[in-house]
């Protein structure tokens, strides 16, 4: 999961099929990792959200401003 966070924080994004193939992750594990990353961002970086960008077919961090 740290590798995925590193990709995201460097702006590269996460391609689901690539990550699942590279690390032999099941669908359930991938979904769990995405949920954990979203929870981490909510708790530690409320100005950021993890979005799935359909055109790019990747998950990327998007700045949304501060939430109260």
C-alpha atoms as a PDB file:
ATOM      1  CA  UNK A   1       0.000   0.000   0.000  1.00  0.00           C
ATOM      2  CA  UNK A   2       2.926   2.367   0.610  1.00  0.00           C
ATOM      3  CA  UNK A   3       3.955   1.974  -3.015  1.00  0.00           C
ATOM      4  CA  UNK A   4       0.458   3.050  -4.076  1.00  0.00           C
ATOM      5  CA  UNK A   5       0.601   6.106  -1.814  1.00  0.00           C
ATOM      6  CA  UNK A   6       3.983   7.005  -3.253  1.00  0.00           C
ATOM      7  CA  UNK A   7       2.598   6.838  -6.797  1.00  0.00           C
ATOM      8  CA  UNK A   8      -0.358   9.002  -5.826  1.00  0.00           C
ATOM      9  CA  UNK A   9       1.664  11.651  -4.009  1.00  0.00           C
ATOM     10  CA  UNK A  10       3.983  11.922  -7.001  1.00  0.00           C
ATOM     11  CA  UNK A  11       1.013  12.541  -9.295  1.00  0.00           C
ATOM     12  CA  UNK A  12       1.308   9.323 -11.276  1.00  0.00           C
ATOM     13  CA  UNK A  13      -2.000   7.778 -10.303  1.00  0.00           C
ATOM     14  CA  UNK A  14      -2.983   4.156  -9.928  1.00  0.00           C
ATOM     15  CA  UNK A  15      -4.108   1.899 -12.758  1.00  0.00           C
ATOM     16  CA  UNK A  16      -6.179  -0.898 -11.218  1.00  0.00           C
ATOM     17  CA  UNK A  17      -5.262  -3.626 -13.693  1.00  0.00           C
ATOM     18  CA  UNK A  18      -1.574  -2.722 -13.587  1.00  0.00           C
ATOM     19  CA  UNK A  19      -1.437  -2.808  -9.791  1.00  0.00           C
ATOM     20  CA  UNK A  20      -3.431  -6.037  -9.542  1.00  0.00           C
ATOM     21  CA  UNK A  21      -1.164  -7.718 -12.077  1.00  0.00           C
ATOM     22  CA  UNK A  22       2.105  -6.397 -10.669  1.00  0.00           C
ATOM     23  CA  UNK A  23       1.329  -7.385  -7.073  1.00  0.00           C
ATOM     24  CA  UNK A  24      -1.054 -10.315  -7.666  1.00  0.00           C
ATOM     25  CA  UNK A  25      -3.819  -8.536  -5.753  1.00  0.00           C
ATOM     26  CA  UNK A  26      -7.358  -9.807  -5.660  1.00  0.00           C
ATOM     27  CA  UNK A  27     -10.238  -7.465  -6.452  1.00  0.00           C
ATOM     28  CA  UNK A  28     -11.196  -7.414  -2.763  1.00  0.00           C
ATOM     29  CA  UNK A  29      -7.668  -6.468  -1.663  1.00  0.00           C
ATOM     30  CA  UNK A  30      -7.456  -3.680  -4.226  1.00  0.00           C
ATOM     31  CA  UNK A  31     -10.809  -2.247  -3.090  1.00  0.00           C
ATOM     32  CA  UNK A  32      -9.669  -2.473   0.540  1.00  0.00           C
ATOM     33  CA  UNK A  33      -6.437  -0.603  -0.267  1.00  0.00           C
ATOM     34  CA  UNK A  34      -8.368   2.151  -2.049  1.00  0.00           C
ATOM     35  CA  UNK A  35     -10.693   2.487   0.962  1.00  0.00           C
ATOM     36  CA  UNK A  36      -7.707   2.692   3.327  1.00  0.00           C
ATOM     37  CA  UNK A  37      -6.035   5.359   1.194  1.00  0.00           C
ATOM     38  CA  UNK A  38      -9.263   7.403   1.154  1.00  0.00           C
ATOM     39  CA  UNK A  39      -9.549   7.113   4.948  1.00  0.00           C
ATOM     40  CA  UNK A  40      -5.898   8.139   5.354  1.00  0.00           C
ATOM     41  CA  UNK A  41      -6.425  11.211   3.185  1.00  0.00           C
ATOM     42  CA  UNK A  42      -9.581  12.222   5.045  1.00  0.00           C
ATOM     43  CA  UNK A  43      -7.787  11.996   8.369  1.00  0.00           C
ATOM     44  CA  UNK A  44      -4.392  13.440   7.448  1.00  0.00           C
ATOM     45  CA  UNK A  45      -4.956  15.547   4.313  1.00  0.00           C
ATOM     46  CA  UNK A  46      -8.550  16.846   4.340  1.00  0.00           C
ATOM     47  CA  UNK A  47      -7.773  19.096   1.382  1.00  0.00           C
ATOM     48  CA  UNK A  48      -7.174  16.040  -0.825  1.00  0.00           C
ATOM     49  CA  UNK A  49      -9.464  13.308  -2.144  1.00  0.00           C
ATOM     50  CA  UNK A  50      -8.851  10.161  -4.142  1.00  0.00           C
ATOM     51  CA  UNK A  51     -10.881  10.219  -7.366  1.00  0.00           C
ATOM     52  CA  UNK A  52     -11.290   7.755 -10.192  1.00  0.00           C
ATOM     53  CA  UNK A  53     -10.782   9.600 -13.477  1.00  0.00           C
ATOM     54  CA  UNK A  54     -12.743   7.700 -16.114  1.00  0.00           C
ATOM     55  CA  UNK A  55     -10.979   9.210 -19.111  1.00  0.00           C
ATOM     56  CA  UNK A  56      -7.575   8.216 -17.765  1.00  0.00           C
ATOM     57  CA  UNK A  57      -8.850   4.999 -16.158  1.00  0.00           C
ATOM     58  CA  UNK A  58      -6.744   5.822 -13.091  1.00  0.00           C
ATOM     59  CA  UNK A  59      -7.154   6.811  -9.478  1.00  0.00           C
ATOM     60  CA  UNK A  60      -5.546  10.153  -8.693  1.00  0.00           C
ATOM     61  CA  UNK A  61      -5.360  12.557  -5.789  1.00  0.00           C
ATOM     62  CA  UNK A  62      -7.338  15.732  -6.393  1.00  0.00           C
ATOM     63  CA  UNK A  63      -7.096  18.900  -4.331  1.00  0.00           C
ATOM     64  CA  UNK A  64     -10.576  19.924  -3.157  1.00  0.00           C
ATOM     65  CA  UNK A  65      -9.719  22.588  -0.584  1.00  0.00           C
ATOM     66  CA  UNK A  66     -10.200  22.389   3.151  1.00  0.00           C
ATOM     67  CA  UNK A  67     -13.283  20.811   4.670  1.00  0.00           C
ATOM     68  CA  UNK A  68     -14.459  21.688   8.147  1.00  0.00           C
END
